[in-house]
Amino acid sequence: MKGFRRIVVILVIGSFSVAALLGIIALLGGGELGETEGKVLLTTVIVGVESIAVLCYLAVAARRTAFVGLIGGLVSLVPFGIALSLTWGGADFESDILWDAFGVGVTIAATLAHACLLLALDRGRLRLMLIGTLVAMAIVSGMICNAILNGENLGDLYWRTFGVVAILDVLGTVVFAALGIFGRRAKAEGEPDLMTPALESRVLDAARSRGVPPSQLISDALDNFLR
């Protein structure tokens, strides 16, 4: 998994570096910005957005929830391909099916990227809040996809419900992220930082897979090591 993640990161950085270089050349090439230059710049934006999404998916690469990132990466290829096809004239701008697929793909891909960032912060202490936020996130995504596919005339109650759930989604994200990042117990002054976030994540995943508390897992591992 680490080797796969390294390869993907290299590909993401390399592809966006090339796209960024082409965008800079288009801007500094002199003369008026024509259709080709505009397409190059738009391609740079598309590749940049996809690169950010892929990095979000990789946030859970070393965790038990890595399948969420894998699904997100596969789903994101749909709007990514459609966007490039529309940019370079390989797709029909008048196709409602194409635009619906693009809108639904973007919605689901963005939702999964959002979920990956929250799952990467999961330390087991705020599990109920995380689950509630993910449920609200899924409902928001489903309602957006339904609106894309079935039109906007869904009634006042529909959009009021959507607004309430969306607010709960944002609230849960903000609170969970804040507590996950800043809510850790302050260490005593001068105490060495023995448990890095990456190591803590590995310990928690291993403890869950064995069905034991993290403290017991660490204690057993230390006993085996000292023997």
C-alpha atoms as a PDB file:
ATOM      1  CA  MET A   1       0.000   0.000   0.000  1.00  0.00           C
ATOM      2  CA  LYS A   2       2.838   2.411   0.795  1.00  0.00           C
ATOM      3  CA  GLY A   3       4.463   1.676  -2.561  1.00  0.00           C
ATOM      4  CA  PHE A   4       1.158   2.166  -4.372  1.00  0.00           C
ATOM      5  CA  ARG A   5       0.552   5.436  -2.554  1.00  0.00           C
ATOM      6  CA  ARG A   6       4.037   6.663  -3.457  1.00  0.00           C
ATOM      7  CA  ILE A   7       3.471   5.855  -7.130  1.00  0.00           C
ATOM      8  CA  VAL A   8       0.118   7.646  -7.183  1.00  0.00           C
ATOM      9  CA  VAL A   9       1.572  10.728  -5.484  1.00  0.00           C
ATOM     10  CA  ILE A  10       4.405  10.841  -8.028  1.00  0.00           C
ATOM     11  CA  LEU A  11       1.918  10.534 -10.891  1.00  0.00           C
ATOM     12  CA  VAL A  12      -0.314  13.257  -9.421  1.00  0.00           C
ATOM     13  CA  ILE A  13       2.575  15.665  -8.901  1.00  0.00           C
ATOM     14  CA  GLY A  14       4.046  14.893 -12.316  1.00  0.00           C
ATOM     15  CA  SER A  15       0.772  15.256 -14.231  1.00  0.00           C
ATOM     16  CA  PHE A  16      -0.178  18.510 -12.556  1.00  0.00           C
ATOM     17  CA  SER A  17       3.352  19.876 -13.004  1.00  0.00           C
ATOM     18  CA  VAL A  18       3.072  19.271 -16.749  1.00  0.00           C
ATOM     19  CA  ALA A  19      -0.406  20.832 -16.848  1.00  0.00           C
ATOM     20  CA  ALA A  20       0.801  23.818 -14.836  1.00  0.00           C
ATOM     21  CA  LEU A  21       3.795  24.285 -17.135  1.00  0.00           C
ATOM     22  CA  LEU A  22       1.526  24.273 -20.199  1.00  0.00           C
ATOM     23  CA  GLY A  23      -0.755  26.792 -18.510  1.00  0.00           C
ATOM     24  CA  ILE A  24       2.161  29.118 -17.757  1.00  0.00           C
ATOM     25  CA  ILE A  25       3.400  28.818 -21.328  1.00  0.00           C
ATOM     26  CA  ALA A  26      -0.079  29.670 -22.602  1.00  0.00           C
ATOM     27  CA  LEU A  27      -0.214  32.785 -20.413  1.00  0.00           C
ATOM     28  CA  LEU A  28       3.303  33.996 -21.136  1.00  0.00           C
ATOM     29  CA  GLY A  29       3.472  32.980 -24.777  1.00  0.00           C
ATOM     30  CA  GLY A  30       2.547  36.442 -25.969  1.00  0.00           C
ATOM     31  CA  GLY A  31      -0.278  37.542 -28.196  1.00  0.00           C
ATOM     32  CA  GLU A  32      -3.978  37.294 -27.537  1.00  0.00           C
ATOM     33  CA  LEU A  33      -5.418  34.386 -25.642  1.00  0.00           C
ATOM     34  CA  GLY A  34      -7.177  32.304 -28.262  1.00  0.00           C
ATOM     35  CA  GLU A  35      -9.349  29.209 -28.094  1.00  0.00           C
ATOM     36  CA  THR A  36      -6.424  26.807 -27.804  1.00  0.00           C
ATOM     37  CA  GLU A  37      -4.837  28.769 -24.966  1.00  0.00           C
ATOM     38  CA  GLY A  38      -8.190  28.847 -23.179  1.00  0.00           C
ATOM     39  CA  LYS A  39      -8.506  25.081 -23.500  1.00  0.00           C
ATOM     40  CA  VAL A  40      -4.993  24.622 -22.121  1.00  0.00           C
ATOM     41  CA  LEU A  41      -5.767  26.800 -19.107  1.00  0.00           C
ATOM     42  CA  LEU A  42      -9.057  25.003 -18.480  1.00  0.00           C
ATOM     43  CA  THR A  43      -7.234  21.671 -18.700  1.00  0.00           C
ATOM     44  CA  THR A  44      -4.791  22.915 -16.065  1.00  0.00           C
ATOM     45  CA  VAL A  45      -7.709  23.682 -13.756  1.00  0.00           C
ATOM     46  CA  ILE A  46      -9.326  20.286 -14.407  1.00  0.00           C
ATOM     47  CA  VAL A  47      -6.095  18.384 -13.740  1.00  0.00           C
ATOM     48  CA  GLY A  48      -5.476  20.493 -10.621  1.00  0.00           C
ATOM     49  CA  VAL A  49      -8.917  19.731  -9.181  1.00  0.00           C
ATOM     50  CA  GLU A  50      -8.516  16.014  -9.911  1.00  0.00           C
ATOM     51  CA  SER A  51      -5.059  16.073  -8.294  1.00  0.00           C
ATOM     52  CA  ILE A  52      -6.468  17.587  -5.101  1.00  0.00           C
ATOM     53  CA  ALA A  53      -9.252  14.991  -5.063  1.00  0.00           C
ATOM     54  CA  VAL A  54      -6.762  12.127  -5.474  1.00  0.00           C
ATOM     55  CA  LEU A  55      -4.680  13.420  -2.566  1.00  0.00           C
ATOM     56  CA  CYS A  56      -7.852  13.456  -0.446  1.00  0.00           C
ATOM     57  CA  TYR A  57      -8.526   9.839  -1.398  1.00  0.00           C
ATOM     58  CA  LEU A  58      -4.970   8.889  -0.465  1.00  0.00           C
ATOM     59  CA  ALA A  59      -5.514  10.205   3.071  1.00  0.00           C
ATOM     60  CA  VAL A  60      -7.037   6.828   4.003  1.00  0.00           C
ATOM     61  CA  ALA A  61      -4.651   4.684   1.935  1.00  0.00           C
ATOM     62  CA  ALA A  62      -3.056   3.027   4.967  1.00  0.00           C
ATOM     63  CA  ARG A  63      -6.296   2.553   6.925  1.00  0.00           C
ATOM     64  CA  ARG A  64      -9.096  -0.008   6.976  1.00  0.00           C
ATOM     65  CA  THR A  65     -11.289   2.537   5.195  1.00  0.00           C
ATOM     66  CA  ALA A  66      -8.972   2.626   2.174  1.00  0.00           C
ATOM     67  CA  PHE A  67     -11.802   1.231   0.027  1.00  0.00           C
ATOM     68  CA  VAL A  68     -13.580   4.603   0.344  1.00  0.00           C
ATOM     69  CA  GLY A  69     -10.624   6.321  -1.283  1.00  0.00           C
ATOM     70  CA  LEU A  70     -10.435   3.639  -3.967  1.00  0.00           C
ATOM     71  CA  ILE A  71     -14.111   4.078  -4.840  1.00  0.00           C
ATOM     72  CA  GLY A  72     -13.673   7.850  -4.847  1.00  0.00           C
ATOM     73  CA  GLY A  73     -10.719   7.621  -7.211  1.00  0.00           C
ATOM     74  CA  LEU A  74     -12.665   5.445  -9.643  1.00  0.00           C
ATOM     75  CA  VAL A  75     -15.758   7.666  -9.506  1.00  0.00           C
ATOM     76  CA  SER A  76     -13.711  10.840 -10.024  1.00  0.00           C
ATOM     77  CA  LEU A  77     -12.453   9.493 -13.346  1.00  0.00           C
ATOM     78  CA  VAL A  78     -15.964   9.886 -14.791  1.00  0.00           C
ATOM     79  CA  PRO A  79     -16.317  13.685 -14.387  1.00  0.00           C
ATOM     80  CA  PHE A  80     -12.598  14.090 -15.084  1.00  0.00           C
ATOM     81  CA  GLY A  81     -12.923  12.341 -18.438  1.00  0.00           C
ATOM     82  CA  ILE A  82     -16.140  14.167 -19.310  1.00  0.00           C
ATOM     83  CA  ALA A  83     -14.576  17.544 -18.462  1.00  0.00           C
ATOM     84  CA  LEU A  84     -11.570  16.878 -20.678  1.00  0.00           C
ATOM     85  CA  SER A  85     -13.815  15.633 -23.480  1.00  0.00           C
ATOM     86  CA  LEU A  86     -16.006  18.733 -23.286  1.00  0.00           C
ATOM     87  CA  THR A  87     -12.948  20.984 -23.186  1.00  0.00           C
ATOM     88  CA  TRP A  88     -11.316  19.557 -26.280  1.00  0.00           C
ATOM     89  CA  GLY A  89     -14.469  19.045 -28.325  1.00  0.00           C
ATOM     90  CA  GLY A  90     -14.815  15.300 -28.069  1.00  0.00           C
ATOM     91  CA  ALA A  91     -18.265  15.407 -26.468  1.00  0.00           C
ATOM     92  CA  ASP A  92     -21.668  16.857 -27.307  1.00  0.00           C
ATOM     93  CA  PHE A  93     -22.407  20.002 -25.285  1.00  0.00           C
ATOM     94  CA  GLU A  94     -26.136  19.515 -25.915  1.00  0.00           C
ATOM     95  CA  SER A  95     -26.292  16.047 -24.336  1.00  0.00           C
ATOM     96  CA  ASP A  96     -28.384  16.156 -21.158  1.00  0.00           C
ATOM     97  CA  ILE A  97     -27.254  12.654 -20.233  1.00  0.00           C
ATOM     98  CA  LEU A  98     -23.619  13.748 -20.394  1.00  0.00           C
ATOM     99  CA  TRP A  99     -24.205  16.772 -18.167  1.00  0.00           C
ATOM    100  CA  ASP A 100     -26.239  14.694 -15.719  1.00  0.00           C
ATOM    101  CA  ALA A 101     -23.420  12.139 -15.522  1.00  0.00           C
ATOM    102  CA  PHE A 102     -20.923  14.949 -14.979  1.00  0.00           C
ATOM    103  CA  GLY A 103     -22.981  16.558 -12.211  1.00  0.00           C
ATOM    104  CA  VAL A 104     -23.670  13.301 -10.406  1.00  0.00           C
ATOM    105  CA  GLY A 105     -20.037  12.219 -10.771  1.00  0.00           C
ATOM    106  CA  VAL A 106     -18.706  15.486  -9.353  1.00  0.00           C
ATOM    107  CA  THR A 107     -21.154  15.326  -6.445  1.00  0.00           C
ATOM    108  CA  ILE A 108     -20.268  11.767  -5.468  1.00  0.00           C
ATOM    109  CA  ALA A 109     -16.518  12.275  -6.010  1.00  0.00           C
ATOM    110  CA  ALA A 110     -16.508  15.433  -3.868  1.00  0.00           C
ATOM    111  CA  THR A 111     -18.533  13.709  -1.139  1.00  0.00           C
ATOM    112  CA  LEU A 112     -16.112  10.774  -1.011  1.00  0.00           C
ATOM    113  CA  ALA A 113     -13.124  13.149  -0.896  1.00  0.00           C
ATOM    114  CA  HIS A 114     -14.795  14.951   2.014  1.00  0.00           C
ATOM    115  CA  ALA A 115     -15.429  11.627   3.742  1.00  0.00           C
ATOM    116  CA  CYS A 116     -11.806  10.541   3.306  1.00  0.00           C
ATOM    117  CA  LEU A 117     -10.521  13.670   5.021  1.00  0.00           C
ATOM    118  CA  LEU A 118     -12.789  13.024   8.010  1.00  0.00           C
ATOM    119  CA  LEU A 119     -11.943   9.322   8.150  1.00  0.00           C
ATOM    120  CA  ALA A 120      -8.246  10.227   8.168  1.00  0.00           C
ATOM    121  CA  LEU A 121      -8.852  12.174  11.393  1.00  0.00           C
ATOM    122  CA  ASP A 122     -10.693   9.304  13.068  1.00  0.00           C
ATOM    123  CA  ARG A 123      -9.030   8.226  16.314  1.00  0.00           C
ATOM    124  CA  GLY A 124     -11.972   6.286  17.744  1.00  0.00           C
ATOM    125  CA  ARG A 125     -12.915   8.869  20.382  1.00  0.00           C
ATOM    126  CA  LEU A 126     -15.582  10.659  18.329  1.00  0.00           C
ATOM    127  CA  ARG A 127     -16.983   7.718  16.392  1.00  0.00           C
ATOM    128  CA  LEU A 128     -20.672   8.581  16.858  1.00  0.00           C
ATOM    129  CA  MET A 129     -20.123  12.146  15.663  1.00  0.00           C
ATOM    130  CA  LEU A 130     -18.201  10.866  12.659  1.00  0.00           C
ATOM    131  CA  ILE A 131     -20.958   8.395  11.749  1.00  0.00           C
ATOM    132  CA  GLY A 132     -23.636  11.091  12.090  1.00  0.00           C
ATOM    133  CA  THR A 133     -21.662  13.470   9.889  1.00  0.00           C
ATOM    134  CA  LEU A 134     -21.091  10.811   7.242  1.00  0.00           C
ATOM    135  CA  VAL A 135     -24.819  10.004   7.216  1.00  0.00           C
ATOM    136  CA  ALA A 136     -25.695  13.695   6.774  1.00  0.00           C
ATOM    137  CA  MET A 137     -23.071  13.920   4.038  1.00  0.00           C
ATOM    138  CA  ALA A 138     -24.579  10.942   2.211  1.00  0.00           C
ATOM    139  CA  ILE A 139     -28.082  12.430   2.432  1.00  0.00           C
ATOM    140  CA  VAL A 140     -26.889  15.772   1.062  1.00  0.00           C
ATOM    141  CA  SER A 141     -25.123  14.019  -1.803  1.00  0.00           C
ATOM    142  CA  GLY A 142     -28.187  11.919  -2.584  1.00  0.00           C
ATOM    143  CA  MET A 143     -30.491  14.936  -2.586  1.00  0.00           C
ATOM    144  CA  ILE A 144     -28.170  16.859  -4.917  1.00  0.00           C
ATOM    145  CA  CYS A 145     -27.977  13.904  -7.305  1.00  0.00           C
ATOM    146  CA  ASN A 146     -31.764  13.569  -7.223  1.00  0.00           C
ATOM    147  CA  ALA A 147     -32.141  17.266  -8.044  1.00  0.00           C
ATOM    148  CA  ILE A 148     -29.713  16.913 -10.957  1.00  0.00           C
ATOM    149  CA  LEU A 149     -31.539  13.929 -12.407  1.00  0.00           C
ATOM    150  CA  ASN A 150     -35.151  14.914 -11.673  1.00  0.00           C
ATOM    151  CA  GLY A 151     -35.106  18.689 -12.009  1.00  0.00           C
ATOM    152  CA  GLU A 152     -35.312  21.532  -9.539  1.00  0.00           C
ATOM    153  CA  ASN A 153     -39.118  21.567  -9.080  1.00  0.00           C
ATOM    154  CA  LEU A 154     -39.024  19.348  -6.035  1.00  0.00           C
ATOM    155  CA  GLY A 155     -41.029  21.503  -3.687  1.00  0.00           C
ATOM    156  CA  ASP A 156     -40.281  23.882  -0.869  1.00  0.00           C
ATOM    157  CA  LEU A 157     -40.159  21.133   1.786  1.00  0.00           C
ATOM    158  CA  TYR A 158     -37.483  19.271  -0.162  1.00  0.00           C
ATOM    159  CA  TRP A 159     -35.120  22.240  -0.218  1.00  0.00           C
ATOM    160  CA  ARG A 160     -35.831  23.156   3.392  1.00  0.00           C
ATOM    161  CA  THR A 161     -34.937  19.609   4.392  1.00  0.00           C
ATOM    162  CA  PHE A 162     -31.848  19.798   2.218  1.00  0.00           C
ATOM    163  CA  GLY A 163     -30.782  23.030   3.939  1.00  0.00           C
ATOM    164  CA  VAL A 164     -31.190  21.551   7.420  1.00  0.00           C
ATOM    165  CA  VAL A 165     -29.210  18.416   6.591  1.00  0.00           C
ATOM    166  CA  ALA A 166     -26.522  20.453   4.811  1.00  0.00           C
ATOM    167  CA  ILE A 167     -26.121  22.645   7.903  1.00  0.00           C
ATOM    168  CA  LEU A 168     -25.799  19.549  10.092  1.00  0.00           C
ATOM    169  CA  ASP A 169     -23.221  18.202   7.641  1.00  0.00           C
ATOM    170  CA  VAL A 170     -21.112  21.362   7.848  1.00  0.00           C
ATOM    171  CA  LEU A 171     -21.545  21.591  11.637  1.00  0.00           C
ATOM    172  CA  GLY A 172     -20.472  17.986  12.133  1.00  0.00           C
ATOM    173  CA  THR A 173     -17.474  18.477   9.847  1.00  0.00           C
ATOM    174  CA  VAL A 174     -16.296  21.607  11.641  1.00  0.00           C
ATOM    175  CA  VAL A 175     -16.743  20.191  15.141  1.00  0.00           C
ATOM    176  CA  PHE A 176     -15.245  16.797  14.326  1.00  0.00           C
ATOM    177  CA  ALA A 177     -12.243  18.324  12.548  1.00  0.00           C
ATOM    178  CA  ALA A 178     -11.658  20.838  15.336  1.00  0.00           C
ATOM    179  CA  LEU A 179     -11.868  18.234  18.089  1.00  0.00           C
ATOM    180  CA  GLY A 180      -9.879  15.713  16.078  1.00  0.00           C
ATOM    181  CA  ILE A 181      -7.027  18.113  15.420  1.00  0.00           C
ATOM    182  CA  PHE A 182      -6.976  20.349  18.493  1.00  0.00           C
ATOM    183  CA  GLY A 183      -8.843  18.309  21.079  1.00  0.00           C
ATOM    184  CA  ARG A 184      -6.015  16.035  22.085  1.00  0.00           C
ATOM    185  CA  ARG A 185      -4.873  16.143  25.636  1.00  0.00           C
ATOM    186  CA  ALA A 186      -1.989  18.591  26.058  1.00  0.00           C
ATOM    187  CA  LYS A 187       1.295  16.900  26.798  1.00  0.00           C
ATOM    188  CA  ALA A 188       3.319  17.793  29.828  1.00  0.00           C
ATOM    189  CA  GLU A 189       6.095  20.230  29.140  1.00  0.00           C
ATOM    190  CA  GLY A 190       9.226  18.436  28.023  1.00  0.00           C
ATOM    191  CA  GLU A 191       7.476  15.087  27.500  1.00  0.00           C
ATOM    192  CA  PRO A 192       8.701  13.439  24.288  1.00  0.00           C
ATOM    193  CA  ASP A 193       6.179  12.869  21.512  1.00  0.00           C
ATOM    194  CA  LEU A 194       6.216   9.061  21.387  1.00  0.00           C
ATOM    195  CA  MET A 195       2.946   8.558  19.503  1.00  0.00           C
ATOM    196  CA  THR A 196       2.864  10.253  16.115  1.00  0.00           C
ATOM    197  CA  PRO A 197      -0.492  10.495  14.267  1.00  0.00           C
ATOM    198  CA  ALA A 198       0.631   7.836  11.774  1.00  0.00           C
ATOM    199  CA  LEU A 199       1.704   5.445  14.538  1.00  0.00           C
ATOM    200  CA  GLU A 200      -1.469   6.101  16.502  1.00  0.00           C
ATOM    201  CA  SER A 201      -3.530   5.293  13.426  1.00  0.00           C
ATOM    202  CA  ARG A 202      -1.680   1.983  12.965  1.00  0.00           C
ATOM    203  CA  VAL A 203      -2.164   1.042  16.606  1.00  0.00           C
ATOM    204  CA  LEU A 204      -5.896   1.798  16.481  1.00  0.00           C
ATOM    205  CA  ASP A 205      -6.395  -0.159  13.267  1.00  0.00           C
ATOM    206  CA  ALA A 206      -4.468  -3.137  14.627  1.00  0.00           C
ATOM    207  CA  ALA A 207      -6.419  -3.034  17.899  1.00  0.00           C
ATOM    208  CA  ARG A 208      -9.755  -2.977  16.062  1.00  0.00           C
ATOM    209  CA  SER A 209      -8.772  -5.875  13.813  1.00  0.00           C
ATOM    210  CA  ARG A 210      -7.856  -7.967  16.879  1.00  0.00           C
ATOM    211  CA  GLY A 211     -10.814  -6.829  18.968  1.00  0.00           C
ATOM    212  CA  VAL A 212      -8.726  -5.551  21.879  1.00  0.00           C
ATOM    213  CA  PRO A 213      -8.233  -2.099  23.446  1.00  0.00           C
ATOM    214  CA  PRO A 214      -5.251  -0.117  22.099  1.00  0.00           C
ATOM    215  CA  SER A 215      -3.635  -0.096  25.550  1.00  0.00           C
ATOM    216  CA  GLN A 216      -3.760  -3.901  25.717  1.00  0.00           C
ATOM    217  CA  LEU A 217      -2.326  -4.199  22.207  1.00  0.00           C
ATOM    218  CA  ILE A 218       0.613  -1.945  23.117  1.00  0.00           C
ATOM    219  CA  SER A 219       1.168  -3.794  26.392  1.00  0.00           C
ATOM    220  CA  ASP A 220       1.144  -7.217  24.699  1.00  0.00           C
ATOM    221  CA  ALA A 221       3.474  -6.005  21.940  1.00  0.00           C
ATOM    222  CA  LEU A 222       5.890  -4.585  24.520  1.00  0.00           C
ATOM    223  CA  ASP A 223       5.842  -7.824  26.525  1.00  0.00           C
ATOM    224  CA  ASN A 224       6.607  -9.859  23.416  1.00  0.00           C
ATOM    225  CA  PHE A 225       9.404  -7.486  22.458  1.00  0.00           C
ATOM    226  CA  LEU A 226      11.033  -7.582  25.911  1.00  0.00           C
ATOM    227  CA  ARG A 227      10.974 -11.370  25.922  1.00  0.00           C
END
